[in-house]
Amino acid sequence: MQGLPKRARRSMKKNNRFIKNTLQIKLYEMKIKLKKNSVGCILAIALFLSTSNFTSLNDKPSNEKIVRGVYTAYQKKDWNMLTSLFAEGFNFSSPNDDHIGLAEYKKRCWPNANNIKKFEIDKLMGDGDNVFVTYHCWTLSGKVFWNTEYFTLKDGKIKAFVCFFGPGIGFPNNTKK
């Protein structure tokens, strides 16, 4: 730019300022549009998430939420809450139980609720009407055990419930070390 006549240099400086100002104005306009669109998108996402609450369009609770209710019922020691989650013809299986019905489940499994302090769900995965859960459970005496359970649901109720545990304590009332 040094070798150009003074008049040409002034003209170029003016053009450069004009271009710079024009670019700044365009950039500012783009920022405003982006902010408006971003705010709109964020509000739309927030509204969607707040209204969906992980339920289906007809407000039925998800199968995962229904299964979580089993662990809540045990922690609260609330038999009525638990049975409200079960379907007609419910059955339970484990290494110690082969497709037992509700009456036998209450007799053999429900007494464990009296020894449960809390559950910590490590993994809960649903696929349609099937839900797998892996959890740690703390007993009132301080023991910790780890199980995996498989639930089959039908029409928003638990039809079958299978508990898998190994040779450790596996359930709260187990007297083995």
N, C-alpha and C. Protein backbone atom coordinates (compact mmCIF):
# COMPACT_ATOMS: atom_id res chain seq x y z
N MET A 1 0.81 -1.16 0.00
CA MET A 1 0.00 0.00 0.00
C MET A 1 0.88 1.26 0.00
N GLN A 2 2.12 1.11 0.44
CA GLN A 2 3.03 2.25 0.52
C GLN A 2 3.29 2.89 -0.84
N GLY A 3 3.39 2.11 -1.89
CA GLY A 3 3.74 2.64 -3.21
C GLY A 3 2.58 3.29 -3.92
N LEU A 4 1.37 3.23 -3.37
CA LEU A 4 0.20 3.80 -4.02
C LEU A 4 0.11 5.31 -3.73
N PRO A 5 -0.52 6.05 -4.64
CA PRO A 5 -0.73 7.48 -4.38
C PRO A 5 -1.58 7.68 -3.13
N LYS A 6 -1.41 8.84 -2.51
CA LYS A 6 -2.09 9.16 -1.27
C LYS A 6 -3.61 9.03 -1.42
N ARG A 7 -4.14 9.52 -2.52
CA ARG A 7 -5.58 9.48 -2.77
C ARG A 7 -6.09 8.04 -2.84
N ALA A 8 -5.36 7.15 -3.46
CA ALA A 8 -5.74 5.73 -3.58
C ALA A 8 -5.70 5.05 -2.21
N ARG A 9 -4.66 5.42 -1.44
CA ARG A 9 -4.57 4.84 -0.10
C ARG A 9 -5.75 5.26 0.77
N ARG A 10 -6.14 6.54 0.72
CA ARG A 10 -7.30 7.00 1.49
C ARG A 10 -8.57 6.28 1.04
N SER A 11 -8.71 6.12 -0.24
CA SER A 11 -9.88 5.44 -0.79
C SER A 11 -9.93 3.98 -0.30
N MET A 12 -8.79 3.31 -0.30
CA MET A 12 -8.74 1.92 0.16
C MET A 12 -9.04 1.85 1.65
N LYS A 13 -8.52 2.81 2.43
CA LYS A 13 -8.81 2.81 3.87
C LYS A 13 -10.30 2.97 4.11
N LYS A 14 -10.92 3.89 3.33
CA LYS A 14 -12.36 4.09 3.44
C LYS A 14 -13.10 2.80 3.11
N ASN A 15 -12.71 2.16 2.01
CA ASN A 15 -13.35 0.90 1.61
C ASN A 15 -13.16 -0.17 2.67
N ASN A 16 -11.95 -0.23 3.22
CA ASN A 16 -11.68 -1.22 4.26
C ASN A 16 -12.55 -0.96 5.49
N ARG A 17 -12.70 0.32 5.89
CA ARG A 17 -13.56 0.65 7.02
C ARG A 17 -15.01 0.29 6.70
N PHE A 18 -15.42 0.60 5.46
CA PHE A 18 -16.79 0.28 5.04
C PHE A 18 -17.03 -1.23 5.10
N ILE A 19 -16.07 -1.97 4.56
CA ILE A 19 -16.20 -3.45 4.57
C ILE A 19 -16.20 -3.95 6.00
N LYS A 20 -15.30 -3.43 6.83
CA LYS A 20 -15.22 -3.84 8.23
C LYS A 20 -16.54 -3.52 8.94
N ASN A 21 -17.07 -2.32 8.75
CA ASN A 21 -18.34 -1.95 9.38
C ASN A 21 -19.48 -2.81 8.87
N THR A 22 -19.50 -3.07 7.57
CA THR A 22 -20.54 -3.91 6.99
C THR A 22 -20.47 -5.32 7.57
N LEU A 23 -19.26 -5.86 7.66
CA LEU A 23 -19.09 -7.19 8.23
C LEU A 23 -19.51 -7.22 9.69
N GLN A 24 -19.18 -6.19 10.43
CA GLN A 24 -19.58 -6.13 11.84
C GLN A 24 -21.09 -6.08 11.97
N ILE A 25 -21.75 -5.31 11.11
CA ILE A 25 -23.21 -5.23 11.14
C ILE A 25 -23.82 -6.59 10.81
N LYS A 26 -23.30 -7.25 9.74
CA LYS A 26 -23.81 -8.57 9.36
C LYS A 26 -23.58 -9.59 10.49
N LEU A 27 -22.41 -9.52 11.09
CA LEU A 27 -22.10 -10.43 12.19
C LEU A 27 -23.05 -10.19 13.35
N TYR A 28 -23.31 -8.94 13.67
CA TYR A 28 -24.24 -8.60 14.74
C TYR A 28 -25.64 -9.12 14.43
N GLU A 29 -26.10 -8.93 13.19
CA GLU A 29 -27.41 -9.41 12.77
C GLU A 29 -27.48 -10.93 12.88
N MET A 30 -26.41 -11.61 12.50
CA MET A 30 -26.38 -13.07 12.60
C MET A 30 -26.43 -13.52 14.04
N LYS A 31 -25.72 -12.82 14.92
CA LYS A 31 -25.75 -13.15 16.35
C LYS A 31 -27.17 -13.03 16.91
N ILE A 32 -27.85 -11.96 16.54
CA ILE A 32 -29.22 -11.75 17.01
C ILE A 32 -30.12 -12.88 16.54
N LYS A 33 -30.02 -13.24 15.25
CA LYS A 33 -30.84 -14.33 14.71
C LYS A 33 -30.51 -15.64 15.41
N LEU A 34 -29.22 -15.90 15.61
CA LEU A 34 -28.81 -17.13 16.25
C LEU A 34 -29.34 -17.19 17.68
N LYS A 35 -29.24 -16.07 18.39
CA LYS A 35 -29.76 -16.04 19.76
C LYS A 35 -31.25 -16.32 19.78
N LYS A 36 -32.00 -15.66 18.87
CA LYS A 36 -33.44 -15.88 18.82
C LYS A 36 -33.74 -17.34 18.52
N ASN A 37 -33.06 -17.91 17.51
CA ASN A 37 -33.30 -19.30 17.14
C ASN A 37 -32.85 -20.25 18.25
N SER A 38 -31.71 -19.97 18.86
CA SER A 38 -31.20 -20.83 19.93
C SER A 38 -32.14 -20.82 21.12
N VAL A 39 -32.57 -19.62 21.50
CA VAL A 39 -33.50 -19.51 22.62
C VAL A 39 -34.78 -20.26 22.29
N GLY A 40 -35.26 -20.10 21.08
CA GLY A 40 -36.47 -20.81 20.67
C GLY A 40 -36.29 -22.31 20.72
N CYS A 41 -35.15 -22.79 20.23
CA CYS A 41 -34.87 -24.23 20.24
C CYS A 41 -34.74 -24.74 21.67
N ILE A 42 -34.03 -24.00 22.49
CA ILE A 42 -33.85 -24.41 23.89
C ILE A 42 -35.19 -24.44 24.60
N LEU A 43 -36.02 -23.42 24.38
CA LEU A 43 -37.34 -23.40 25.00
C LEU A 43 -38.20 -24.57 24.52
N ALA A 44 -38.13 -24.87 23.23
CA ALA A 44 -38.91 -25.98 22.69
C ALA A 44 -38.45 -27.31 23.29
N ILE A 45 -37.14 -27.49 23.41
CA ILE A 45 -36.61 -28.73 24.00
C ILE A 45 -37.02 -28.82 25.46
N ALA A 46 -36.87 -27.72 26.20
CA ALA A 46 -37.24 -27.72 27.62
C ALA A 46 -38.72 -28.02 27.80
N LEU A 47 -39.55 -27.41 26.97
CA LEU A 47 -40.99 -27.66 27.04
C LEU A 47 -41.30 -29.12 26.74
N PHE A 48 -40.67 -29.67 25.72
CA PHE A 48 -40.89 -31.07 25.37
C PHE A 48 -40.49 -31.99 26.53
N LEU A 49 -39.30 -31.76 27.09
CA LEU A 49 -38.83 -32.62 28.18
C LEU A 49 -39.69 -32.49 29.43
N SER A 50 -40.14 -31.28 29.72
CA SER A 50 -40.94 -31.08 30.93
C SER A 50 -42.33 -31.69 30.79
N THR A 51 -42.86 -31.73 29.59
CA THR A 51 -44.19 -32.31 29.42
C THR A 51 -44.15 -33.80 29.17
N SER A 52 -43.03 -34.31 28.64
CA SER A 52 -42.99 -35.74 28.32
C SER A 52 -42.83 -36.58 29.57
N ASN A 53 -42.00 -36.17 30.49
CA ASN A 53 -41.78 -36.88 31.75
C ASN A 53 -41.61 -38.38 31.54
N PHE A 54 -41.05 -38.75 30.40
CA PHE A 54 -40.77 -40.14 30.07
C PHE A 54 -42.01 -41.02 30.12
N THR A 55 -43.13 -40.48 29.70
CA THR A 55 -44.33 -41.29 29.59
C THR A 55 -44.77 -41.26 28.14
N SER A 56 -45.63 -42.20 27.81
CA SER A 56 -46.11 -42.24 26.43
C SER A 56 -47.16 -41.15 26.24
N LEU A 57 -47.62 -40.99 25.02
CA LEU A 57 -48.54 -39.91 24.72
C LEU A 57 -49.86 -40.02 25.47
N ASN A 58 -50.26 -41.22 25.86
CA ASN A 58 -51.53 -41.37 26.57
C ASN A 58 -51.33 -41.42 28.09
N ASP A 59 -50.22 -40.87 28.57
CA ASP A 59 -49.93 -40.72 30.00
C ASP A 59 -49.79 -42.03 30.77
N LYS A 60 -49.58 -43.14 30.09
CA LYS A 60 -49.30 -44.39 30.79
C LYS A 60 -47.84 -44.36 31.24
N PRO A 61 -47.56 -44.80 32.48
CA PRO A 61 -46.16 -44.82 32.91
C PRO A 61 -45.36 -45.81 32.08
N SER A 62 -44.09 -45.53 31.91
CA SER A 62 -43.23 -46.43 31.14
C SER A 62 -43.03 -47.73 31.90
N ASN A 63 -42.70 -48.77 31.16
CA ASN A 63 -42.43 -50.06 31.81
C ASN A 63 -41.26 -49.95 32.78
N GLU A 64 -40.27 -49.13 32.43
CA GLU A 64 -39.13 -48.93 33.32
C GLU A 64 -39.58 -48.31 34.64
N LYS A 65 -40.49 -47.35 34.57
CA LYS A 65 -40.99 -46.69 35.78
C LYS A 65 -41.79 -47.68 36.63
N ILE A 66 -42.57 -48.53 35.98
CA ILE A 66 -43.35 -49.54 36.70
C ILE A 66 -42.41 -50.48 37.44
N VAL A 67 -41.35 -50.93 36.78
CA VAL A 67 -40.39 -51.84 37.41
C VAL A 67 -39.67 -51.15 38.57
N ARG A 68 -39.32 -49.88 38.42
CA ARG A 68 -38.70 -49.15 39.54
C ARG A 68 -39.62 -49.16 40.77
N GLY A 69 -40.91 -49.19 40.53
CA GLY A 69 -41.88 -49.24 41.62
C GLY A 69 -41.73 -50.46 42.50
N VAL A 70 -41.25 -51.57 41.95
CA VAL A 70 -41.02 -52.79 42.74
C VAL A 70 -40.01 -52.49 43.85
N TYR A 71 -38.93 -51.83 43.50
CA TYR A 71 -37.87 -51.54 44.47
C TYR A 71 -38.31 -50.48 45.48
N THR A 72 -39.12 -49.56 45.02
CA THR A 72 -39.68 -48.54 45.93
C THR A 72 -40.60 -49.21 46.94
N ALA A 73 -41.44 -50.14 46.48
CA ALA A 73 -42.37 -50.84 47.37
C ALA A 73 -41.61 -51.65 48.43
N TYR A 74 -40.54 -52.32 48.02
CA TYR A 74 -39.73 -53.07 48.99
C TYR A 74 -39.09 -52.14 50.01
N GLN A 75 -38.55 -51.01 49.56
CA GLN A 75 -37.92 -50.06 50.48
C GLN A 75 -38.95 -49.48 51.45
N LYS A 76 -40.16 -49.24 50.96
CA LYS A 76 -41.22 -48.68 51.81
C LYS A 76 -41.95 -49.76 52.60
N LYS A 77 -41.65 -51.01 52.26
CA LYS A 77 -42.32 -52.16 52.89
C LYS A 77 -43.84 -52.09 52.71
N ASP A 78 -44.24 -51.78 51.47
CA ASP A 78 -45.65 -51.54 51.14
C ASP A 78 -46.16 -52.63 50.19
N TRP A 79 -46.77 -53.66 50.77
CA TRP A 79 -47.27 -54.80 50.01
C TRP A 79 -48.34 -54.37 48.99
N ASN A 80 -49.25 -53.48 49.39
CA ASN A 80 -50.31 -53.04 48.47
C ASN A 80 -49.73 -52.31 47.27
N MET A 81 -48.72 -51.50 47.50
CA MET A 81 -48.06 -50.80 46.39
C MET A 81 -47.46 -51.82 45.43
N LEU A 82 -46.80 -52.84 45.99
CA LEU A 82 -46.17 -53.86 45.16
C LEU A 82 -47.20 -54.62 44.34
N THR A 83 -48.26 -55.09 44.97
CA THR A 83 -49.23 -55.90 44.24
C THR A 83 -49.99 -55.09 43.20
N SER A 84 -50.07 -53.78 43.38
CA SER A 84 -50.74 -52.95 42.37
C SER A 84 -49.97 -52.94 41.05
N LEU A 85 -48.70 -53.36 41.08
CA LEU A 85 -47.86 -53.40 39.88
C LEU A 85 -47.98 -54.72 39.13
N PHE A 86 -48.55 -55.75 39.79
CA PHE A 86 -48.60 -57.09 39.22
C PHE A 86 -49.88 -57.33 38.41
N ALA A 87 -49.73 -58.08 37.33
CA ALA A 87 -50.86 -58.45 36.47
C ALA A 87 -51.55 -59.68 37.05
N GLU A 88 -52.74 -59.89 36.57
CA GLU A 88 -53.48 -61.12 36.89
C GLU A 88 -52.64 -62.30 36.41
N GLY A 89 -52.48 -63.33 37.23
CA GLY A 89 -51.70 -64.50 36.85
C GLY A 89 -50.20 -64.31 37.01
N PHE A 90 -49.78 -63.30 37.78
CA PHE A 90 -48.36 -63.02 38.02
C PHE A 90 -47.64 -64.28 38.50
N ASN A 91 -46.36 -64.43 38.06
CA ASN A 91 -45.54 -65.51 38.61
C ASN A 91 -44.10 -65.03 38.78
N PHE A 92 -43.40 -65.68 39.71
CA PHE A 92 -42.04 -65.33 40.07
C PHE A 92 -41.17 -66.58 39.99
N SER A 93 -39.93 -66.38 39.49
CA SER A 93 -38.97 -67.48 39.45
C SER A 93 -37.61 -67.00 39.93
N SER A 94 -36.85 -67.93 40.51
CA SER A 94 -35.48 -67.67 40.94
C SER A 94 -34.80 -69.03 41.04
N PRO A 95 -33.52 -69.08 41.42
CA PRO A 95 -32.89 -70.39 41.61
C PRO A 95 -33.61 -71.23 42.68
N ASN A 96 -34.34 -70.57 43.58
CA ASN A 96 -35.07 -71.29 44.63
C ASN A 96 -36.56 -71.43 44.37
N ASP A 97 -37.08 -70.80 43.34
CA ASP A 97 -38.53 -70.76 43.10
C ASP A 97 -38.80 -70.97 41.61
N ASP A 98 -39.77 -71.84 41.31
CA ASP A 98 -40.08 -72.13 39.91
C ASP A 98 -41.50 -71.70 39.60
N HIS A 99 -41.65 -70.51 39.01
CA HIS A 99 -42.95 -69.99 38.58
C HIS A 99 -44.00 -70.05 39.69
N ILE A 100 -43.67 -69.47 40.83
CA ILE A 100 -44.64 -69.45 41.93
C ILE A 100 -45.61 -68.28 41.73
N GLY A 101 -46.83 -68.46 42.23
CA GLY A 101 -47.87 -67.44 42.11
C GLY A 101 -47.75 -66.40 43.22
N LEU A 102 -48.70 -65.49 43.24
CA LEU A 102 -48.67 -64.36 44.15
C LEU A 102 -48.72 -64.78 45.63
N ALA A 103 -49.57 -65.73 45.99
CA ALA A 103 -49.69 -66.15 47.39
C ALA A 103 -48.36 -66.74 47.90
N GLU A 104 -47.76 -67.60 47.09
CA GLU A 104 -46.47 -68.21 47.48
C GLU A 104 -45.36 -67.16 47.48
N TYR A 105 -45.41 -66.23 46.54
CA TYR A 105 -44.42 -65.14 46.49
C TYR A 105 -44.49 -64.33 47.79
N LYS A 106 -45.70 -64.03 48.23
CA LYS A 106 -45.86 -63.26 49.47
C LYS A 106 -45.27 -64.03 50.65
N LYS A 107 -45.52 -65.30 50.69
CA LYS A 107 -45.05 -66.14 51.80
C LYS A 107 -43.52 -66.31 51.79
N ARG A 108 -42.95 -66.52 50.60
CA ARG A 108 -41.52 -66.84 50.51
C ARG A 108 -40.61 -65.64 50.30
N CYS A 109 -41.08 -64.63 49.58
CA CYS A 109 -40.21 -63.52 49.18
C CYS A 109 -40.48 -62.21 49.91
N TRP A 110 -41.74 -61.93 50.17
CA TRP A 110 -42.06 -60.64 50.77
C TRP A 110 -41.43 -60.42 52.15
N PRO A 111 -41.23 -61.44 52.99
CA PRO A 111 -40.57 -61.21 54.29
C PRO A 111 -39.18 -60.57 54.15
N ASN A 112 -38.56 -60.70 52.97
CA ASN A 112 -37.26 -60.05 52.75
C ASN A 112 -37.35 -58.53 52.88
N ALA A 113 -38.53 -57.97 52.63
CA ALA A 113 -38.69 -56.52 52.71
C ALA A 113 -38.32 -55.99 54.09
N ASN A 114 -38.56 -56.79 55.11
CA ASN A 114 -38.25 -56.35 56.48
C ASN A 114 -36.76 -56.17 56.73
N ASN A 115 -35.91 -56.73 55.88
CA ASN A 115 -34.47 -56.62 56.06
C ASN A 115 -33.79 -55.68 55.06
N ILE A 116 -34.57 -55.04 54.22
CA ILE A 116 -33.99 -54.19 53.18
C ILE A 116 -33.89 -52.74 53.64
N LYS A 117 -32.68 -52.19 53.47
CA LYS A 117 -32.48 -50.77 53.76
C LYS A 117 -32.68 -49.95 52.49
N LYS A 118 -31.95 -50.32 51.40
CA LYS A 118 -32.10 -49.56 50.16
C LYS A 118 -31.58 -50.35 48.97
N PHE A 119 -32.07 -49.96 47.81
CA PHE A 119 -31.59 -50.49 46.53
C PHE A 119 -30.85 -49.38 45.80
N GLU A 120 -29.84 -49.79 45.06
CA GLU A 120 -29.18 -48.88 44.13
C GLU A 120 -29.19 -49.57 42.77
N ILE A 121 -29.97 -49.03 41.87
CA ILE A 121 -30.09 -49.62 40.53
C ILE A 121 -28.86 -49.24 39.72
N ASP A 122 -28.10 -50.25 39.32
CA ASP A 122 -26.89 -50.03 38.52
C ASP A 122 -27.23 -49.87 37.05
N LYS A 123 -28.16 -50.67 36.57
CA LYS A 123 -28.53 -50.63 35.15
C LYS A 123 -29.98 -51.08 35.03
N LEU A 124 -30.75 -50.32 34.26
CA LEU A 124 -32.13 -50.67 33.98
C LEU A 124 -32.32 -50.47 32.48
N MET A 125 -32.68 -51.55 31.79
CA MET A 125 -32.83 -51.48 30.33
C MET A 125 -34.16 -52.09 29.93
N GLY A 126 -34.92 -51.32 29.17
CA GLY A 126 -36.20 -51.80 28.69
C GLY A 126 -36.18 -52.00 27.20
N ASP A 127 -36.90 -53.02 26.77
CA ASP A 127 -37.08 -53.29 25.35
C ASP A 127 -38.52 -53.73 25.18
N GLY A 128 -39.40 -52.78 24.90
CA GLY A 128 -40.82 -53.11 24.80
C GLY A 128 -41.35 -53.55 26.14
N ASP A 129 -41.91 -54.76 26.19
CA ASP A 129 -42.48 -55.29 27.43
C ASP A 129 -41.50 -56.09 28.25
N ASN A 130 -40.21 -55.97 27.97
CA ASN A 130 -39.17 -56.68 28.72
C ASN A 130 -38.23 -55.66 29.35
N VAL A 131 -37.93 -55.89 30.63
CA VAL A 131 -37.05 -54.97 31.36
C VAL A 131 -36.05 -55.80 32.16
N PHE A 132 -34.75 -55.47 32.01
CA PHE A 132 -33.69 -56.06 32.82
C PHE A 132 -33.20 -55.03 33.82
N VAL A 133 -32.93 -55.48 35.05
CA VAL A 133 -32.41 -54.60 36.09
C VAL A 133 -31.27 -55.30 36.80
N THR A 134 -30.18 -54.57 36.99
CA THR A 134 -29.09 -55.04 37.84
C THR A 134 -28.96 -54.03 38.97
N TYR A 135 -28.88 -54.53 40.19
CA TYR A 135 -28.86 -53.62 41.33
C TYR A 135 -27.98 -54.16 42.45
N HIS A 136 -27.63 -53.25 43.35
CA HIS A 136 -27.04 -53.59 44.63
C HIS A 136 -28.10 -53.30 45.69
N CYS A 137 -28.17 -54.12 46.70
CA CYS A 137 -29.13 -53.91 47.77
C CYS A 137 -28.39 -53.96 49.10
N TRP A 138 -28.73 -53.04 49.97
CA TRP A 138 -28.14 -53.00 51.31
C TRP A 138 -29.19 -53.49 52.30
N THR A 139 -28.79 -54.41 53.17
CA THR A 139 -29.70 -54.90 54.20
C THR A 139 -29.54 -54.03 55.45
N LEU A 140 -30.48 -54.17 56.37
CA LEU A 140 -30.41 -53.41 57.61
C LEU A 140 -29.21 -53.81 58.45
N SER A 141 -28.72 -55.04 58.25
CA SER A 141 -27.55 -55.51 59.01
C SER A 141 -26.23 -55.11 58.35
N GLY A 142 -26.30 -54.40 57.22
CA GLY A 142 -25.09 -53.91 56.58
C GLY A 142 -24.55 -54.79 55.46
N LYS A 143 -25.20 -55.91 55.20
CA LYS A 143 -24.76 -56.75 54.07
C LYS A 143 -25.17 -56.09 52.76
N VAL A 144 -24.39 -56.38 51.71
CA VAL A 144 -24.71 -55.88 50.38
C VAL A 144 -24.77 -57.09 49.46
N PHE A 145 -25.79 -57.14 48.64
CA PHE A 145 -25.85 -58.19 47.63
C PHE A 145 -26.21 -57.58 46.29
N TRP A 146 -25.96 -58.33 45.24
CA TRP A 146 -26.08 -57.85 43.88
C TRP A 146 -26.86 -58.87 43.08
N ASN A 147 -27.94 -58.44 42.45
CA ASN A 147 -28.78 -59.34 41.65
C ASN A 147 -29.10 -58.72 40.30
N THR A 148 -29.54 -59.58 39.41
CA THR A 148 -30.09 -59.15 38.13
C THR A 148 -31.48 -59.75 38.03
N GLU A 149 -32.43 -58.94 37.56
CA GLU A 149 -33.81 -59.40 37.46
C GLU A 149 -34.36 -59.08 36.08
N TYR A 150 -35.25 -59.94 35.63
CA TYR A 150 -35.86 -59.82 34.31
C TYR A 150 -37.37 -59.78 34.51
N PHE A 151 -38.00 -58.75 33.98
CA PHE A 151 -39.44 -58.56 34.12
C PHE A 151 -40.10 -58.65 32.75
N THR A 152 -41.26 -59.28 32.71
CA THR A 152 -42.10 -59.29 31.52
C THR A 152 -43.39 -58.58 31.89
N LEU A 153 -43.75 -57.57 31.12
CA LEU A 153 -44.96 -56.79 31.40
C LEU A 153 -45.99 -57.00 30.31
N LYS A 154 -47.23 -56.81 30.70
CA LYS A 154 -48.33 -56.87 29.73
C LYS A 154 -49.36 -55.82 30.15
N ASP A 155 -49.68 -54.94 29.23
CA ASP A 155 -50.67 -53.88 29.48
C ASP A 155 -50.34 -53.06 30.73
N GLY A 156 -49.05 -52.74 30.90
CA GLY A 156 -48.64 -51.88 32.00
C GLY A 156 -48.58 -52.55 33.37
N LYS A 157 -48.61 -53.87 33.40
CA LYS A 157 -48.51 -54.62 34.67
C LYS A 157 -47.44 -55.70 34.53
N ILE A 158 -46.82 -56.06 35.64
CA ILE A 158 -45.77 -57.08 35.64
C ILE A 158 -46.42 -58.46 35.63
N LYS A 159 -46.16 -59.19 34.56
CA LYS A 159 -46.74 -60.53 34.40
C LYS A 159 -45.81 -61.59 34.99
N ALA A 160 -44.50 -61.43 34.76
CA ALA A 160 -43.52 -62.39 35.27
C ALA A 160 -42.28 -61.65 35.73
N PHE A 161 -41.61 -62.25 36.70
CA PHE A 161 -40.48 -61.60 37.37
C PHE A 161 -39.50 -62.74 37.68
N VAL A 162 -38.30 -62.66 37.12
CA VAL A 162 -37.29 -63.69 37.34
C VAL A 162 -36.08 -63.04 37.99
N CYS A 163 -35.65 -63.60 39.11
CA CYS A 163 -34.49 -63.08 39.84
C CYS A 163 -33.32 -64.04 39.66
N PHE A 164 -32.18 -63.50 39.25
CA PHE A 164 -30.97 -64.30 39.07
C PHE A 164 -29.97 -63.91 40.15
N PHE A 165 -29.56 -64.89 40.95
CA PHE A 165 -28.49 -64.62 41.91
C PHE A 165 -27.61 -65.85 42.01
N GLY A 166 -26.41 -65.61 42.39
CA GLY A 166 -25.42 -66.69 42.44
C GLY A 166 -25.32 -67.30 43.82
N PRO A 167 -24.17 -67.90 44.10
CA PRO A 167 -24.00 -68.64 45.34
C PRO A 167 -23.80 -67.76 46.58
N GLY A 168 -23.70 -66.43 46.41
CA GLY A 168 -23.54 -65.54 47.57
C GLY A 168 -24.84 -65.45 48.35
N ILE A 169 -25.03 -64.36 49.06
CA ILE A 169 -26.24 -64.26 49.88
C ILE A 169 -27.49 -64.08 49.03
N GLY A 170 -27.46 -63.32 47.94
CA GLY A 170 -28.54 -63.25 46.95
C GLY A 170 -29.86 -62.66 47.38
N PHE A 171 -30.23 -62.81 48.65
CA PHE A 171 -31.47 -62.23 49.12
C PHE A 171 -31.33 -61.94 50.62
N PRO A 172 -32.06 -60.95 51.12
CA PRO A 172 -31.81 -60.45 52.48
C PRO A 172 -31.94 -61.45 53.62
N ASN A 173 -32.86 -62.37 53.54
CA ASN A 173 -33.06 -63.30 54.65
C ASN A 173 -32.18 -64.54 54.58
N ASN A 174 -31.29 -64.60 53.60
CA ASN A 174 -30.37 -65.73 53.47
C ASN A 174 -29.43 -65.71 54.68
N THR A 175 -29.31 -66.84 55.35
CA THR A 175 -28.48 -66.90 56.55
C THR A 175 -27.05 -67.31 56.24
N LYS A 176 -26.74 -67.65 54.99
CA LYS A 176 -25.37 -67.99 54.62
C LYS A 176 -24.48 -66.76 54.69
N LYS A 177 -23.22 -66.94 54.94
CA LYS A 177 -22.28 -65.81 55.02
C LYS A 177 -21.89 -65.37 53.65
